[in-house]
Amino acid sequence: MVCLGNICRSPLAEGILKSKLPENTFFVDSAGTANYHIGEQPDYRSIAIAKKYGIDITRQKGRQFKVSDFDAFDYIYAMDSENFNNIVNLAQNSEDVSKVNLILEELNESSITDVPDPYYAGNKGFENVYELLDEACEIIANKLDY
């Protein structure tokens, strides 16, 4: 799960998907394409909205996406097209590129492809992002057929 700073959208996506999959079978992580918040906890509003739905993301720490993530992960979900492009630009080959998807493309009927950045949108923005990510993560978890 990858967004820009790894404090709002991708930590929520990580927490939501983790809550839907068996921990001993899947490793879910998040990162940012920028290095603004390395080592920091998620935004307090992401923590609060996750907590509202029974998910604890307080132990997450921001990190920057790195080339080795292509080898470490089978699926890489970008929160928006800008971060998708940033990730693909780091790809070493077509196999790396094939691992990268926009998370909202999982919502086949949706015309929205970018998860909106809730940072400046207040609490309602975080609620909206949670709902979008929850729906996408439900589809992803079902596709993984564990």
C-alpha atoms as a PDB file:
ATOM      1  CA  MET A   1       0.000   0.000   0.000  1.00  0.00           C
ATOM      2  CA  VAL A   2       1.695   3.178  -1.179  1.00  0.00           C
ATOM      3  CA  CYS A   3       0.791   6.870  -0.977  1.00  0.00           C
ATOM      4  CA  LEU A   4       2.921  10.013  -0.870  1.00  0.00           C
ATOM      5  CA  GLY A   5       3.888  10.464   2.778  1.00  0.00           C
ATOM      6  CA  ASN A   6       2.773   7.155   4.328  1.00  0.00           C
ATOM      7  CA  ILE A   7       0.786   8.853   7.084  1.00  0.00           C
ATOM      8  CA  CYS A   8      -2.838   9.033   5.844  1.00  0.00           C
ATOM      9  CA  ARG A   9      -4.049   6.742   3.075  1.00  0.00           C
ATOM     10  CA  SER A  10      -1.541   3.892   2.903  1.00  0.00           C
ATOM     11  CA  PRO A  11      -1.459   3.242   6.677  1.00  0.00           C
ATOM     12  CA  LEU A  12      -5.259   3.009   6.606  1.00  0.00           C
ATOM     13  CA  ALA A  13      -5.130   0.635   3.641  1.00  0.00           C
ATOM     14  CA  GLU A  14      -2.502  -1.477   5.412  1.00  0.00           C
ATOM     15  CA  GLY A  15      -4.564  -1.693   8.589  1.00  0.00           C
ATOM     16  CA  ILE A  16      -7.806  -2.445   6.759  1.00  0.00           C
ATOM     17  CA  LEU A  17      -6.326  -5.209   4.599  1.00  0.00           C
ATOM     18  CA  LYS A  18      -4.505  -6.726   7.592  1.00  0.00           C
ATOM     19  CA  SER A  19      -7.832  -6.880   9.431  1.00  0.00           C
ATOM     20  CA  LYS A  20      -9.326  -8.940   6.580  1.00  0.00           C
ATOM     21  CA  LEU A  21      -6.518 -11.488   6.148  1.00  0.00           C
ATOM     22  CA  PRO A  22      -4.927 -14.122   8.397  1.00  0.00           C
ATOM     23  CA  GLU A  23      -1.736 -12.613   9.826  1.00  0.00           C
ATOM     24  CA  ASN A  24       0.237 -15.857   9.635  1.00  0.00           C
ATOM     25  CA  THR A  25      -0.430 -16.237   5.892  1.00  0.00           C
ATOM     26  CA  PHE A  26      -0.020 -12.691   4.520  1.00  0.00           C
ATOM     27  CA  PHE A  27       2.414  -9.839   5.091  1.00  0.00           C
ATOM     28  CA  VAL A  28       0.858  -6.437   4.447  1.00  0.00           C
ATOM     29  CA  ASP A  29       2.889  -3.240   4.667  1.00  0.00           C
ATOM     30  CA  SER A  30       2.728   0.371   3.543  1.00  0.00           C
ATOM     31  CA  ALA A  31       5.160   3.003   2.351  1.00  0.00           C
ATOM     32  CA  GLY A  32       5.341   6.466   0.852  1.00  0.00           C
ATOM     33  CA  THR A  33       7.023   7.549  -2.349  1.00  0.00           C
ATOM     34  CA  ALA A  34       8.376  10.628  -0.527  1.00  0.00           C
ATOM     35  CA  ASN A  35      10.638  10.700   2.512  1.00  0.00           C
ATOM     36  CA  TYR A  36       8.698  13.308   4.516  1.00  0.00           C
ATOM     37  CA  HIS A  37       7.551  11.131   7.414  1.00  0.00           C
ATOM     38  CA  ILE A  38      10.041   8.296   7.815  1.00  0.00           C
ATOM     39  CA  GLY A  39       9.751   6.792  11.300  1.00  0.00           C
ATOM     40  CA  GLU A  40       6.584   8.725  12.192  1.00  0.00           C
ATOM     41  CA  GLN A  41       3.231   7.326  13.271  1.00  0.00           C
ATOM     42  CA  PRO A  42       0.253   7.725  10.947  1.00  0.00           C
ATOM     43  CA  ASP A  43      -1.680  11.003  11.068  1.00  0.00           C
ATOM     44  CA  TYR A  44      -3.804  11.196  14.219  1.00  0.00           C
ATOM     45  CA  ARG A  45      -6.945  11.350  12.071  1.00  0.00           C
ATOM     46  CA  SER A  46      -6.047   8.100  10.290  1.00  0.00           C
ATOM     47  CA  ILE A  47      -5.447   6.530  13.697  1.00  0.00           C
ATOM     48  CA  ALA A  48      -8.828   7.813  14.922  1.00  0.00           C
ATOM     49  CA  ILE A  49     -10.851   6.598  11.921  1.00  0.00           C
ATOM     50  CA  ALA A  50      -9.158   3.192  12.040  1.00  0.00           C
ATOM     51  CA  LYS A  51      -9.897   2.963  15.783  1.00  0.00           C
ATOM     52  CA  LYS A  52     -13.544   3.859  15.114  1.00  0.00           C
ATOM     53  CA  TYR A  53     -13.747   0.646  13.057  1.00  0.00           C
ATOM     54  CA  GLY A  54     -11.791  -1.494  15.515  1.00  0.00           C
ATOM     55  CA  ILE A  55      -8.405  -1.343  13.777  1.00  0.00           C
ATOM     56  CA  ASP A  56      -5.199  -0.310  15.570  1.00  0.00           C
ATOM     57  CA  ILE A  57      -2.604   1.308  13.302  1.00  0.00           C
ATOM     58  CA  THR A  58      -0.612   3.027  16.071  1.00  0.00           C
ATOM     59  CA  ARG A  59       2.363   0.666  15.752  1.00  0.00           C
ATOM     60  CA  GLN A  60       2.950   1.559  12.098  1.00  0.00           C
ATOM     61  CA  LYS A  61       5.929   3.744  11.242  1.00  0.00           C
ATOM     62  CA  GLY A  62       6.341   5.703   8.023  1.00  0.00           C
ATOM     63  CA  ARG A  63       8.879   4.431   5.526  1.00  0.00           C
ATOM     64  CA  GLN A  64       9.844   5.244   1.960  1.00  0.00           C
ATOM     65  CA  PHE A  65       9.125   2.851  -0.906  1.00  0.00           C
ATOM     66  CA  LYS A  66      12.319   1.289  -2.202  1.00  0.00           C
ATOM     67  CA  VAL A  67      13.316  -0.750  -5.252  1.00  0.00           C
ATOM     68  CA  SER A  68      13.715  -3.895  -3.113  1.00  0.00           C
ATOM     69  CA  ASP A  69       9.960  -3.735  -2.385  1.00  0.00           C
ATOM     70  CA  PHE A  70       9.397  -5.139  -5.881  1.00  0.00           C
ATOM     71  CA  ASP A  71      11.122  -8.331  -4.742  1.00  0.00           C
ATOM     72  CA  ALA A  72       9.529  -8.368  -1.298  1.00  0.00           C
ATOM     73  CA  PHE A  73       5.884  -8.021  -2.403  1.00  0.00           C
ATOM     74  CA  ASP A  74       3.621  -9.811  -4.873  1.00  0.00           C
ATOM     75  CA  TYR A  75       1.135  -6.919  -5.098  1.00  0.00           C
ATOM     76  CA  ILE A  76       1.768  -3.193  -4.827  1.00  0.00           C
ATOM     77  CA  TYR A  77      -1.253  -0.917  -4.579  1.00  0.00           C
ATOM     78  CA  ALA A  78      -0.830   2.797  -5.245  1.00  0.00           C
ATOM     79  CA  MET A  79      -3.362   5.204  -3.771  1.00  0.00           C
ATOM     80  CA  ASP A  80      -3.331   7.516  -6.803  1.00  0.00           C
ATOM     81  CA  SER A  81      -1.930   7.929 -10.298  1.00  0.00           C
ATOM     82  CA  GLU A  82       0.907  10.238  -9.236  1.00  0.00           C
ATOM     83  CA  ASN A  83       2.235   7.660  -6.786  1.00  0.00           C
ATOM     84  CA  PHE A  84       1.573   4.888  -9.310  1.00  0.00           C
ATOM     85  CA  ASN A  85       3.868   6.702 -11.748  1.00  0.00           C
ATOM     86  CA  ASN A  86       6.486   7.294  -9.036  1.00  0.00           C
ATOM     87  CA  ILE A  87       6.525   3.572  -8.239  1.00  0.00           C
ATOM     88  CA  VAL A  88       6.608   2.445 -11.875  1.00  0.00           C
ATOM     89  CA  ASN A  89       9.530   4.804 -12.519  1.00  0.00           C
ATOM     90  CA  LEU A  90      11.542   2.765  -9.991  1.00  0.00           C
ATOM     91  CA  ALA A  91      10.700  -0.553 -11.653  1.00  0.00           C
ATOM     92  CA  GLN A  92      13.631  -2.546 -12.991  1.00  0.00           C
ATOM     93  CA  ASN A  93      11.643  -4.595 -15.504  1.00  0.00           C
ATOM     94  CA  SER A  94       8.169  -5.444 -16.792  1.00  0.00           C
ATOM     95  CA  GLU A  95       7.647  -7.989 -13.990  1.00  0.00           C
ATOM     96  CA  ASP A  96       8.032  -5.180 -11.431  1.00  0.00           C
ATOM     97  CA  VAL A  97       5.578  -2.994 -13.350  1.00  0.00           C
ATOM     98  CA  SER A  98       3.025  -5.820 -13.492  1.00  0.00           C
ATOM     99  CA  LYS A  99       2.858  -5.873  -9.677  1.00  0.00           C
ATOM    100  CA  VAL A 100       1.681  -2.244  -9.447  1.00  0.00           C
ATOM    101  CA  ASN A 101      -2.012  -1.344  -9.527  1.00  0.00           C
ATOM    102  CA  LEU A 102      -4.214   1.550  -8.488  1.00  0.00           C
ATOM    103  CA  ILE A 103      -6.131   0.281  -5.467  1.00  0.00           C
ATOM    104  CA  LEU A 104      -9.450   1.778  -6.570  1.00  0.00           C
ATOM    105  CA  GLU A 105      -9.272  -0.075  -9.875  1.00  0.00           C
ATOM    106  CA  GLU A 106     -10.466  -3.000  -7.753  1.00  0.00           C
ATOM    107  CA  LEU A 107     -13.834  -1.214  -7.627  1.00  0.00           C
ATOM    108  CA  ASN A 108     -14.857  -2.110 -11.172  1.00  0.00           C
ATOM    109  CA  GLU A 109     -17.960   0.067 -11.195  1.00  0.00           C
ATOM    110  CA  SER A 110     -16.207   3.119  -9.788  1.00  0.00           C
ATOM    111  CA  SER A 111     -15.258   6.060 -11.958  1.00  0.00           C
ATOM    112  CA  ILE A 112     -12.878   7.191  -9.203  1.00  0.00           C
ATOM    113  CA  THR A 113      -9.352   5.856  -9.671  1.00  0.00           C
ATOM    114  CA  ASP A 114      -7.477   8.017  -7.153  1.00  0.00           C
ATOM    115  CA  VAL A 115      -8.004   7.787  -3.414  1.00  0.00           C
ATOM    116  CA  PRO A 116      -8.393  11.456  -2.444  1.00  0.00           C
ATOM    117  CA  ASP A 117      -5.751  12.766  -0.060  1.00  0.00           C
ATOM    118  CA  PRO A 118      -7.700  13.538   3.138  1.00  0.00           C
ATOM    119  CA  TYR A 119      -4.930  15.588   4.760  1.00  0.00           C
ATOM    120  CA  TYR A 120      -6.678  18.929   4.158  1.00  0.00           C
ATOM    121  CA  ALA A 121     -10.224  17.578   3.953  1.00  0.00           C
ATOM    122  CA  GLY A 122     -10.988  17.269   7.661  1.00  0.00           C
ATOM    123  CA  ASN A 123     -12.637  14.332   9.414  1.00  0.00           C
ATOM    124  CA  LYS A 124     -15.197  13.797   6.655  1.00  0.00           C
ATOM    125  CA  GLY A 125     -12.341  13.275   4.196  1.00  0.00           C
ATOM    126  CA  PHE A 126     -10.871  10.533   6.376  1.00  0.00           C
ATOM    127  CA  GLU A 127     -14.260   8.839   6.668  1.00  0.00           C
ATOM    128  CA  ASN A 128     -14.646   8.889   2.881  1.00  0.00           C
ATOM    129  CA  VAL A 129     -11.136   7.470   2.377  1.00  0.00           C
ATOM    130  CA  TYR A 130     -11.821   4.740   4.931  1.00  0.00           C
ATOM    131  CA  GLU A 131     -15.000   3.689   3.117  1.00  0.00           C
ATOM    132  CA  LEU A 132     -13.273   3.580  -0.292  1.00  0.00           C
ATOM    133  CA  LEU A 133     -10.329   1.600   1.044  1.00  0.00           C
ATOM    134  CA  ASP A 134     -12.516  -0.779   3.033  1.00  0.00           C
ATOM    135  CA  GLU A 135     -14.487  -1.678  -0.085  1.00  0.00           C
ATOM    136  CA  ALA A 136     -11.340  -2.134  -2.196  1.00  0.00           C
ATOM    137  CA  CYS A 137      -9.591  -4.182   0.508  1.00  0.00           C
ATOM    138  CA  GLU A 138     -12.614  -6.457   0.832  1.00  0.00           C
ATOM    139  CA  ILE A 139     -12.374  -7.235  -2.892  1.00  0.00           C
ATOM    140  CA  ILE A 140      -8.591  -7.762  -2.644  1.00  0.00           C
ATOM    141  CA  ALA A 141      -8.968 -10.113   0.329  1.00  0.00           C
ATOM    142  CA  ASN A 142     -11.577 -12.144  -1.538  1.00  0.00           C
ATOM    143  CA  LYS A 143      -9.345 -12.352  -4.622  1.00  0.00           C
ATOM    144  CA  LEU A 144      -6.472 -13.680  -2.535  1.00  0.00           C
ATOM    145  CA  ASP A 145      -8.653 -16.712  -1.791  1.00  0.00           C
ATOM    146  CA  TYR A 146      -7.027 -17.750   1.437  1.00  0.00           C
END
